[in-house]
Amino acid sequence: MKYPDISIAKTKLIISILFIIIFYSFESFAKDVYYKLLQSEADEANKLYYQCDGENWRFKGGWPLSTNVFTNIVFESEGVDYFITDEVFSENSKKIVYKASIRGIELPFNALEGIIPDINLPFLEVLNLSGNKLSGNLPSFNLPKLIELNLYRNQLTGTIPNFNLPLLEKLILDENQLSGNLNNCIMPNLVWIKLSNNLLTDTIPNFNMPSLFTLELSGNQLKGNIPNFNLPNLKILDLSDNNITGKIPDFNLPKLFKIDLSGNSFSFEALEVNLNKYTIYEYNYQDYVLPINQTGDILSVIDDASANTYQWKFNGYGIEGANNKQIKANKKGFYRCTVNNTSLPGLTLETDNYEINKLSVNEELNKKVILLQDSKELKIINNSNKKIHSINIHNLKGDLVFSTTEVNNIIDLSNHSKSIYFASLNLGSEIITKKIILNQ
C-alpha cells in the first residue's frame, strides 16, 4: 500500500491542533482548590490563645485561628502548620474545598503566660511552646499522633503525667520545676529525653526504649544506683549533678559516645571496671572530691581502684616520690592528692586540701628510730624506749611487698628490684614511715 506524502509542516500543524484541544479539554475540568479548618480544630487550638494571655503575645499573627477558607497551602497563622486531608469539604463546578487539620503548633519565646490547656488535636504532630512563662501542672495530653513535645524553659510544676502519646519521639521538658519520678516517661518510640534542671527525685527507672538516642537528666535530685541499662542506640548519657552513688553497672550501651557523670559520688573504683570497655570521645566525671582518711600521721586516699596512680602535693607543690596511696604527714600544712587511672586515660580525680595543724608523731621518736641501708640489707636501730611491733614495706603502687611481726635488726631485701619503697614501723601508739631507695 502506498501512503500519502505528508509534509513536515502539515505534521507540526496537526500536533499543535491536538495539543490545543487536549489543553482546553483539561482546562474546562479544572477547579480552584481551597482549604478550610474544621471548627472543632480551631476551637481546640484557640484554647492556647485565650488561656495563655493571647492578647498580650508579642507576635500573634493569625490568632485566634479562624475557619475561613484559605486559597493556598502557605497560611498566615504564625507558628501553625496544617495537614491537608483527602476529605472534601465542599465542591462545585469551579471550586473544591478540602478539610485542613492542625499538624504543628510552634510558639517558642512568644511570651505565653498562664496554664497550658489540655488540648485535643487528633492530627497534631509537634507542640513547641519552649522559652515562655507557662506555669502550673502539665496536662495529661491525649495526642495520638504527637511526635515532639517541647516545653523547655518554662515555669511548669507538679509531676510528669501519664501521657497518652504512643508515637512520641522527642520529650523536651528541661529547665522547669517538675518533681516526682520518671516512670511516666517510658514510651516505646522515644528518641530524645531531655529533663535536665528540674526537681525530679527518687531513682532512675530502667528505661526499656530501644530507639533512645539521648538521655539527659542532669541537675535534678535523683538518687540511688544507675540501672543496668540495655539501650542499644544510646549515644549521649548525662546524669550529672544529682545524688547518684554506687558502682557503674555492666550495662549494654554499645554506641555510647558522650557521658557526663560529674557532680555525683563516683570514684575510680566505681568507674574503671565497666566504662573502660567503651570508646567514649567526650566524657566528664572529674569533679567528685575523693576523701582522705587519717590514721595517726598516715593519710590515705579512699579509692581502691586497681589501676590508680597517685601524686601527693604539700602546700600546692608536688612531693617527689610521693606516688603511693598513703603518705606520712610529717609537716604542718595542706596535703592534697591527684589520682589518675590507666584504665580511664584523660580522667583525673582529686582530693580536697587536707590540713595537718598538729603532728601526732613524736619528732624525737622519729629521730631515735633509724634505718641504715647496706646494699639490699636494711638495718634497724631503735634508740627509743618503745617496742617495734611490726614493719610493713610498700612499693610505689601501694602494694605490700614485705610484712613481719618478728622484727630483727636486719631485713634482707635482696629479692626486691631497684625502686623506691616505704617502710612503716608500728610502735604501738605511733607509726613511723621512712623511705627506702634500692639502687642495685
Protein backbone atom coordinates (compact mmCIF):
# COMPACT_ATOMS: atom_id res chain seq x y z
CA MET A 1 0.00 0.00 0.00
CA LYS A 2 1.25 3.48 -0.81
CA TYR A 3 0.81 6.07 1.92
CA PRO A 4 0.11 9.72 1.06
CA ASP A 5 3.00 12.09 1.35
CA ILE A 6 2.56 14.41 4.38
CA SER A 7 4.97 17.28 4.71
CA ILE A 8 6.76 18.20 7.95
CA ALA A 9 4.86 21.50 8.16
CA LYS A 10 1.49 19.71 7.99
CA THR A 11 2.63 17.28 10.73
CA LYS A 12 3.54 20.14 13.06
CA LEU A 13 0.20 21.80 12.42
CA ILE A 14 -1.73 18.65 13.29
CA ILE A 15 0.26 18.18 16.56
CA SER A 16 -0.38 21.78 17.57
CA ILE A 17 -4.12 21.47 16.96
CA LEU A 18 -4.24 18.26 19.03
CA PHE A 19 -2.32 19.91 21.90
CA ILE A 20 -4.74 22.86 21.97
CA ILE A 21 -7.74 20.54 22.02
CA ILE A 22 -6.29 18.49 24.90
CA PHE A 23 -5.29 21.58 26.90
CA TYR A 24 -8.73 23.21 26.67
CA SER A 25 -10.39 19.90 27.44
CA PHE A 26 -8.46 19.69 30.73
CA GLU A 27 -8.95 23.40 31.38
CA SER A 28 -12.71 23.01 31.21
CA PHE A 29 -12.49 20.43 34.01
CA ALA A 30 -10.00 22.38 36.21
CA LYS A 31 -11.19 23.68 39.59
CA ASP A 32 -9.73 26.14 42.07
CA VAL A 33 -8.51 24.38 45.22
CA TYR A 34 -9.17 25.80 48.72
CA TYR A 35 -8.70 24.59 52.28
CA LYS A 36 -10.89 25.08 55.34
CA LEU A 37 -10.01 24.44 59.00
CA LEU A 38 -12.56 22.46 60.96
CA GLN A 39 -14.41 24.46 63.62
CA SER A 40 -13.55 21.87 66.28
CA GLU A 41 -9.83 22.15 65.46
CA ALA A 42 -9.92 25.96 65.58
CA ASP A 43 -11.71 25.88 68.94
CA GLU A 44 -9.19 23.46 70.46
CA ALA A 45 -6.17 25.44 69.26
CA ASN A 46 -7.67 28.72 70.43
CA LYS A 47 -7.65 27.41 73.99
CA LEU A 48 -3.96 28.28 73.94
CA TYR A 49 -4.74 31.81 72.86
CA TYR A 50 -7.48 32.51 75.37
CA GLN A 51 -5.95 30.73 78.38
CA CYS A 52 -2.35 31.85 77.81
CA ASP A 53 -2.83 35.62 77.60
CA GLY A 54 -3.07 35.68 73.81
CA GLU A 55 -3.99 39.37 73.58
CA ASN A 56 -0.59 40.28 75.04
CA TRP A 57 1.57 37.95 72.93
CA ARG A 58 4.47 39.70 71.30
CA PHE A 59 3.63 38.01 67.99
CA LYS A 60 0.07 36.88 67.37
CA GLY A 61 -0.37 36.93 63.59
CA GLY A 62 -3.38 34.82 62.60
CA TRP A 63 -4.54 34.25 66.21
CA PRO A 64 -7.14 33.44 67.27
CA LEU A 65 -7.42 30.91 64.49
CA SER A 66 -10.46 31.08 62.20
CA THR A 67 -12.23 28.57 59.98
CA ASN A 68 -12.08 30.81 56.89
CA VAL A 69 -11.38 29.21 53.52
CA PHE A 70 -7.70 29.51 52.62
CA THR A 71 -6.66 29.87 49.00
CA ASN A 72 -3.27 28.19 49.24
CA ILE A 73 -1.16 25.91 51.46
CA VAL A 74 1.03 28.66 52.93
CA PHE A 75 -1.09 30.06 55.75
CA GLU A 76 -0.62 33.34 57.55
CA SER A 77 -1.19 31.99 61.07
CA GLU A 78 2.21 32.25 62.75
CA GLY A 79 3.60 29.07 64.17
CA VAL A 80 0.86 26.81 62.81
CA ASP A 81 1.37 24.05 60.27
CA TYR A 82 -1.57 22.29 58.62
CA PHE A 83 -2.25 18.76 57.48
CA ILE A 84 -4.31 18.61 54.30
CA THR A 85 -6.52 15.57 54.21
CA ASP A 86 -8.09 13.97 51.14
CA GLU A 87 -11.53 14.62 52.51
CA VAL A 88 -13.62 17.08 50.52
CA PHE A 89 -15.44 19.75 52.49
CA SER A 90 -17.45 21.04 49.55
CA GLU A 91 -17.28 21.00 45.76
CA ASN A 92 -18.91 22.66 42.78
CA SER A 93 -18.07 23.11 39.13
CA LYS A 94 -15.41 25.76 39.77
CA LYS A 95 -14.19 25.18 43.30
CA ILE A 96 -13.22 22.32 45.58
CA VAL A 97 -12.63 22.82 49.32
CA TYR A 98 -10.56 20.26 51.30
CA LYS A 99 -10.54 19.81 55.05
CA ALA A 100 -7.41 21.04 56.86
CA SER A 101 -6.25 19.87 60.29
CA ILE A 102 -3.56 21.33 62.52
CA ARG A 103 -0.31 19.36 62.33
CA GLY A 104 2.04 21.60 64.29
CA ILE A 105 1.90 24.48 66.76
CA GLU A 106 5.23 26.21 67.41
CA LEU A 107 5.19 29.35 69.53
CA PRO A 108 8.64 29.45 71.15
CA PHE A 109 9.73 32.61 73.00
CA ASN A 110 6.37 34.23 72.34
CA ALA A 111 5.79 35.36 75.95
CA LEU A 112 2.92 32.96 76.59
CA GLU A 113 1.68 33.13 80.18
CA GLY A 114 -0.81 31.06 82.12
CA ILE A 115 -1.86 27.43 82.40
CA ILE A 116 -1.48 25.09 79.41
CA PRO A 117 -4.90 23.72 78.43
CA ASP A 118 -5.40 20.03 77.73
CA ILE A 119 -5.99 20.45 74.01
CA ASN A 120 -7.39 17.66 71.85
CA LEU A 121 -5.98 17.86 68.31
CA PRO A 122 -6.02 14.38 66.74
CA PHE A 123 -3.59 15.24 63.90
CA LEU A 124 -1.10 17.30 65.95
CA GLU A 125 2.49 16.09 65.48
CA VAL A 126 4.55 18.94 67.00
CA LEU A 127 3.81 21.10 70.06
CA ASN A 128 6.63 23.54 70.79
CA LEU A 129 5.94 26.18 73.46
CA SER A 130 9.52 26.49 74.70
CA GLY A 131 11.03 29.55 76.34
CA ASN A 132 7.79 31.07 77.62
CA LYS A 133 6.28 31.82 81.05
CA LEU A 134 3.83 28.94 81.27
CA SER A 135 3.08 27.74 84.79
CA GLY A 136 1.01 25.16 86.62
CA ASN A 137 0.85 21.44 86.02
CA LEU A 138 1.41 19.60 82.77
CA PRO A 139 -1.82 18.36 81.19
CA SER A 140 -2.09 14.62 80.53
CA PHE A 141 -2.18 15.22 76.79
CA ASN A 142 -4.20 12.81 74.66
CA LEU A 143 -2.49 13.43 71.33
CA PRO A 144 -2.23 10.10 69.49
CA LYS A 145 -0.07 11.40 66.60
CA LEU A 146 2.26 13.71 68.56
CA ILE A 147 5.95 13.19 67.68
CA GLU A 148 7.57 16.14 69.52
CA LEU A 149 6.61 17.80 72.82
CA ASN A 150 8.89 20.74 73.64
CA LEU A 151 8.13 22.80 76.75
CA TYR A 152 11.74 23.71 77.54
CA ARG A 153 12.41 26.65 79.87
CA ASN A 154 9.02 27.49 81.32
CA GLN A 155 7.79 27.53 84.93
CA LEU A 156 5.89 24.24 84.99
CA THR A 157 5.41 22.43 88.30
CA GLY A 158 3.99 19.17 89.57
CA THR A 159 4.71 15.65 88.41
CA ILE A 160 5.02 14.29 84.88
CA PRO A 161 1.55 12.94 83.99
CA ASN A 162 0.76 9.61 82.42
CA PHE A 163 0.71 10.80 78.81
CA ASN A 164 -1.20 9.03 76.06
CA LEU A 165 1.45 9.76 73.43
CA PRO A 166 2.14 6.41 71.72
CA LEU A 167 4.17 7.89 68.81
CA LEU A 168 6.20 10.44 70.80
CA GLU A 169 9.89 10.62 69.78
CA LYS A 170 11.10 13.82 71.49
CA LEU A 171 10.22 14.73 75.09
CA ILE A 172 11.88 18.05 75.96
CA LEU A 173 10.90 19.39 79.39
CA ASP A 174 14.23 20.67 80.73
CA GLU A 175 14.56 23.84 82.83
CA ASN A 176 11.20 23.74 84.60
CA GLN A 177 10.29 22.86 88.20
CA LEU A 178 8.89 19.39 87.66
CA SER A 179 9.09 16.97 90.58
CA GLY A 180 8.37 13.34 91.37
CA ASN A 181 9.72 10.34 89.49
CA LEU A 182 10.36 9.38 85.87
CA ASN A 183 8.15 6.32 85.49
CA ASN A 184 5.70 8.06 83.15
CA CYS A 185 8.50 8.89 80.72
CA ILE A 186 8.76 5.31 79.49
CA MET A 187 7.29 5.41 75.97
CA PRO A 188 8.35 2.89 73.33
CA ASN A 189 9.29 5.25 70.47
CA LEU A 190 11.21 7.91 72.38
CA VAL A 191 14.49 9.02 70.79
CA TRP A 192 15.21 12.08 72.98
CA ILE A 193 14.52 12.58 76.69
CA LYS A 194 15.66 15.98 78.00
CA LEU A 195 14.60 16.63 81.60
CA SER A 196 17.64 18.45 82.97
CA ASN A 197 17.39 21.14 85.64
CA ASN A 198 14.12 20.19 87.29
CA LEU A 199 13.30 18.92 90.80
CA LEU A 200 12.98 15.23 89.99
CA THR A 201 13.65 12.82 92.84
CA ASP A 202 13.60 9.09 93.51
CA THR A 203 15.66 6.60 91.50
CA ILE A 204 16.20 6.32 87.75
CA PRO A 205 13.95 3.69 86.16
CA ASN A 206 15.42 1.05 83.88
CA PHE A 207 14.24 2.59 80.63
CA ASN A 208 13.31 -0.04 78.05
CA MET A 209 13.36 2.06 74.89
CA PRO A 210 15.41 0.52 72.07
CA SER A 211 15.37 3.71 69.94
CA LEU A 212 16.58 6.07 72.66
CA PHE A 213 19.48 8.25 71.39
CA THR A 214 19.78 10.94 74.10
CA LEU A 215 19.06 10.72 77.84
CA GLU A 216 19.70 13.98 79.71
CA LEU A 217 18.69 14.07 83.38
CA SER A 218 21.31 16.43 84.84
CA GLY A 219 20.65 18.97 87.56
CA ASN A 220 17.94 17.09 89.46
CA GLN A 221 17.84 15.30 92.82
CA LEU A 222 17.91 11.72 91.55
CA LYS A 223 19.44 9.17 93.89
CA GLY A 224 20.40 5.52 94.14
CA ASN A 225 22.34 3.49 91.58
CA ILE A 226 22.41 3.72 87.80
CA PRO A 227 20.19 0.96 86.39
CA ASN A 228 21.63 -1.81 84.28
CA PHE A 229 20.58 -0.10 81.05
CA ASN A 230 20.02 -2.05 77.85
CA LEU A 231 19.82 0.81 75.35
CA PRO A 232 21.46 -0.34 72.11
CA ASN A 233 21.23 3.05 70.34
CA LEU A 234 22.05 5.43 73.19
CA LYS A 235 24.86 7.86 72.29
CA ILE A 236 24.50 10.63 74.91
CA LEU A 237 24.05 9.97 78.64
CA ASP A 238 24.04 12.95 81.02
CA LEU A 239 23.34 12.18 84.68
CA SER A 240 25.48 14.97 86.13
CA ASP A 241 24.69 16.98 89.27
CA ASN A 242 22.43 14.51 91.03
CA ASN A 243 22.83 12.36 94.15
CA ILE A 244 23.67 9.09 92.38
CA THR A 245 26.01 6.63 94.10
CA GLY A 246 27.28 3.07 93.74
CA LYS A 247 29.28 1.38 91.01
CA ILE A 248 28.69 1.74 87.31
CA PRO A 249 26.80 -1.35 86.13
CA ASP A 250 27.88 -3.53 83.25
CA PHE A 251 25.20 -2.02 81.05
CA ASN A 252 24.70 -2.56 77.33
CA LEU A 253 25.41 0.77 75.63
CA PRO A 254 27.41 -0.22 72.53
CA LYS A 255 27.03 3.17 70.77
CA LEU A 256 27.83 5.37 73.78
CA PHE A 257 29.64 8.49 72.55
CA LYS A 258 29.32 11.04 75.35
CA ILE A 259 28.85 10.52 79.08
CA ASP A 260 28.67 13.02 81.94
CA LEU A 261 28.53 11.65 85.49
CA SER A 262 30.07 14.66 87.25
CA GLY A 263 28.61 16.14 90.40
CA ASN A 264 27.67 12.77 91.87
CA SER A 265 29.58 10.48 94.23
CA PHE A 266 31.56 8.18 91.95
CA SER A 267 35.17 7.15 92.44
CA PHE A 268 37.63 5.41 90.14
CA GLU A 269 36.73 2.20 91.89
CA ALA A 270 33.14 2.72 90.71
CA LEU A 271 34.10 3.74 87.18
CA GLU A 272 37.02 1.67 85.97
CA VAL A 273 35.53 -1.81 85.75
CA ASN A 274 32.72 -1.22 83.29
CA LEU A 275 33.49 2.04 81.49
CA ASN A 276 36.91 1.17 80.10
CA LYS A 277 35.32 -1.16 77.51
CA TYR A 278 33.68 1.81 75.72
CA THR A 279 35.29 4.19 73.26
CA ILE A 280 33.98 7.44 74.71
CA TYR A 281 35.03 10.57 72.84
CA GLU A 282 33.61 13.09 75.26
CA TYR A 283 33.17 12.49 78.95
CA ASN A 284 33.08 14.40 82.20
CA TYR A 285 33.18 12.88 85.65
CA GLN A 286 36.14 14.74 87.14
CA ASP A 287 34.68 16.89 89.87
CA TYR A 288 33.98 14.32 92.58
CA VAL A 289 36.31 15.07 95.50
CA LEU A 290 37.96 11.93 96.83
CA PRO A 291 38.03 11.69 100.62
CA ILE A 292 41.19 11.35 102.71
CA ASN A 293 41.40 9.16 105.80
CA GLN A 294 43.89 9.90 108.58
CA THR A 295 45.29 7.24 110.92
CA GLY A 296 47.95 8.71 113.14
CA ASP A 297 50.26 10.51 110.74
CA ILE A 298 49.29 8.38 107.74
CA LEU A 299 46.97 9.96 105.17
CA SER A 300 45.22 7.60 102.76
CA VAL A 301 43.15 8.28 99.65
CA ILE A 302 39.82 6.47 99.84
CA ASP A 303 39.70 4.83 96.41
CA ASP A 304 40.63 1.21 95.82
CA ALA A 305 40.62 1.02 92.02
CA SER A 306 43.30 -1.38 90.81
CA ALA A 307 44.81 0.82 88.09
CA ASN A 308 45.20 4.04 90.08
CA THR A 309 48.31 6.23 90.08
CA TYR A 310 48.90 8.88 92.76
CA GLN A 311 50.71 12.17 93.15
CA TRP A 312 50.70 13.90 96.54
CA LYS A 313 51.21 17.63 96.98
CA PHE A 314 52.15 19.70 100.00
CA ASN A 315 51.03 23.34 100.11
CA GLY A 316 50.34 23.14 96.37
CA TYR A 317 53.71 21.67 95.30
CA GLY A 318 54.30 18.10 94.22
CA ILE A 319 56.21 15.86 96.62
CA GLU A 320 58.93 13.92 94.83
CA GLY A 321 58.42 10.19 95.11
CA ALA A 322 55.05 10.54 96.89
CA ASN A 323 53.22 8.26 94.45
CA ASN A 324 51.62 5.92 96.93
CA LYS A 325 48.02 5.67 98.07
CA GLN A 326 49.33 6.64 101.51
CA ILE A 327 51.68 9.30 102.74
CA LYS A 328 53.18 10.19 106.10
CA ALA A 329 52.25 13.70 107.18
CA ASN A 330 55.48 14.88 108.83
CA LYS A 331 54.94 18.61 108.39
CA LYS A 332 52.22 21.05 109.31
CA GLY A 333 50.33 22.34 106.25
CA PHE A 334 47.94 21.28 103.49
CA TYR A 335 48.13 17.90 101.77
CA ARG A 336 46.35 17.03 98.55
CA CYS A 337 46.46 14.06 96.17
CA THR A 338 45.80 13.86 92.42
CA VAL A 339 44.65 10.43 91.24
CA ASN A 340 44.69 9.10 87.69
CA ASN A 341 43.77 5.69 86.35
CA THR A 342 45.41 3.88 83.45
CA SER A 343 42.10 2.25 82.52
CA LEU A 344 40.46 5.66 82.06
CA PRO A 345 43.04 7.90 80.36
CA GLY A 346 42.36 11.61 80.45
CA LEU A 347 40.32 11.41 83.64
CA THR A 348 41.60 12.96 86.86
CA LEU A 349 40.12 12.88 90.35
CA GLU A 350 41.46 14.89 93.26
CA THR A 351 41.15 15.10 96.99
CA ASP A 352 40.43 18.38 98.68
CA ASN A 353 43.12 20.12 100.69
CA TYR A 354 43.63 18.25 103.98
CA GLU A 355 45.09 20.35 106.76
CA ILE A 356 47.58 18.98 109.30
CA ASN A 357 47.89 21.52 112.10
CA LYS A 358 49.25 19.20 114.77
CA LEU A 359 51.71 16.37 114.28
CA SER A 360 50.87 13.29 116.29
CA VAL A 361 54.23 11.64 115.70
CA ASN A 362 56.82 12.47 118.31
CA GLU A 363 59.67 14.06 116.39
CA GLU A 364 62.17 12.84 118.96
CA LEU A 365 60.88 9.29 118.49
CA ASN A 366 61.32 9.64 114.74
CA LYS A 367 64.93 10.63 115.26
CA LYS A 368 65.63 7.72 117.61
CA VAL A 369 64.42 5.03 115.17
CA ILE A 370 66.91 4.83 112.31
CA LEU A 371 67.05 2.70 109.16
CA LEU A 372 70.53 2.07 107.76
CA GLN A 373 70.98 0.60 104.29
CA ASP A 374 73.89 -1.53 103.17
CA SER A 375 73.21 -2.56 99.59
CA LYS A 376 69.96 -4.54 99.93
CA GLU A 377 70.20 -5.09 103.66
CA LEU A 378 68.16 -2.90 105.95
CA LYS A 379 69.44 -2.43 109.50
CA ILE A 380 67.04 -1.12 112.15
CA ILE A 381 68.47 0.88 115.05
CA ASN A 382 65.93 1.56 117.80
CA ASN A 383 67.24 4.03 120.38
CA SER A 384 63.78 4.67 121.81
CA ASN A 385 62.09 3.04 124.77
CA LYS A 386 59.25 1.76 122.54
CA LYS A 387 58.99 -1.69 121.02
CA ILE A 388 58.65 -2.08 117.25
CA HIS A 389 55.63 -4.38 116.89
CA SER A 390 55.68 -4.80 113.11
CA ILE A 391 57.10 -3.49 109.89
CA ASN A 392 55.34 -3.20 106.51
CA ILE A 393 57.07 -2.24 103.27
CA HIS A 394 55.09 -0.97 100.23
CA ASN A 395 56.19 -0.22 96.70
CA LEU A 396 55.29 2.92 94.75
CA LYS A 397 51.95 1.46 93.65
CA GLY A 398 50.97 0.89 97.24
CA ASP A 399 51.38 -2.89 97.03
CA LEU A 400 52.57 -4.61 100.19
CA VAL A 401 55.88 -6.33 99.34
CA PHE A 402 57.09 -7.24 102.83
CA SER A 403 55.48 -7.63 106.23
CA THR A 404 56.60 -9.13 109.54
CA THR A 405 55.80 -9.01 113.22
CA GLU A 406 59.13 -10.64 114.08
CA VAL A 407 61.26 -7.56 113.82
CA ASN A 408 65.00 -8.31 113.83
CA ASN A 409 67.76 -5.83 113.49
CA ILE A 410 68.41 -6.76 109.84
CA ILE A 411 65.94 -7.18 106.97
CA ASP A 412 67.04 -8.78 103.71
CA LEU A 413 65.64 -7.03 100.60
CA SER A 414 67.75 -8.89 98.02
CA ASN A 415 64.62 -10.36 96.37
CA HIS A 416 63.26 -6.90 95.54
CA SER A 417 64.02 -4.93 92.39
CA LYS A 418 65.60 -1.50 92.17
CA SER A 419 62.98 1.10 93.12
CA ILE A 420 61.70 3.34 95.88
CA TYR A 421 59.87 1.74 98.81
CA PHE A 422 58.24 2.96 102.01
CA ALA A 423 58.68 1.22 105.34
CA SER A 424 56.04 1.73 108.05
CA LEU A 425 57.17 0.82 111.54
CA ASN A 426 54.45 0.25 114.11
CA LEU A 427 55.49 1.34 117.61
CA GLY A 428 52.11 0.78 119.25
CA SER A 429 50.57 4.25 119.53
CA GLU A 430 52.88 5.66 116.83
CA ILE A 431 53.65 4.76 113.22
CA ILE A 432 56.84 5.94 111.60
CA THR A 433 57.21 5.88 107.81
CA LYS A 434 60.64 6.03 106.15
CA LYS A 435 61.72 5.99 102.52
CA ILE A 436 63.93 3.21 101.20
CA ILE A 437 65.84 3.53 97.92
CA LEU A 438 67.22 0.39 96.31
CA ASN A 439 69.77 1.29 93.67
CA GLN A 440 71.05 -2.15 92.88
